[in-house]
Amino acid sequence: MLLIINFKVVTMILPKSFYAKDAAVVARNLLGKILTRRIGEKILSGKIVETEAYFGEKDPASRAFGGKITKISKWMYEGPGTVLVYMVHANWLFNIITGKKGDPQGVLIRAIEPINFKGDTSGPGKLTRALKISGIHSGLNVCDKNSEIIICEGKNETIKIGRSYRIGVRKDLSQKLRFFIIGNKFVSK
């Protein structure tokens, strides 16, 4: 799908097949892609520079841990590209569902580098405040060209990717599931 702004083709929206993979693969592949938020006639865009992968029912840090379905976790069982936004410590966190429908995997977008606006987006709460994203956006799909929130291909550039354990997680998996662009000043500290 094409993103069209003022009748000018800007870039390709990532298809559902991009998200229909393992959460760690998607988290890594999202680095360098462009997150775009439409607010009325205003468009805010930023390059994704930091992500974390979550693995559903078997992941103690996941909202779907243990298979409990709640008003929050229900979105994790939807199809790839579905948006899930929930609050932690008075901050909204923006996630995208990955894998197959019914398999609750997801990716937390932790930070972006602003492209056409100024602001500090070096953390998931700062990102959602800058883009005015909240719980009302849960259920949108970033693959839908009419969605207020989409993700598109980025520039064709070489990036160095770092990995670490997830931030702020009490019980983590043994894998390093946080991915970030090395040296980018918008990566959370």
Foldseek 3Di string as FASTA:
>chain_A
DFQAQPNDTDFAFDALVLQQDAQLSSQQVQAQWKKWFADPNDIWIFGQFKKFKAFACCWPQDPRHVNDDDPQQVLLLAGFQFWGWDDDPNAIWIKTHGHGRHGRMIMTRFFTGTDPDDFQGQGRRRVCVVRVDHRVRGGDGQNDSPRSIHIGHGDPDDFDKDFADDPPGPDGDPDGGMIGTPPDPNHHD
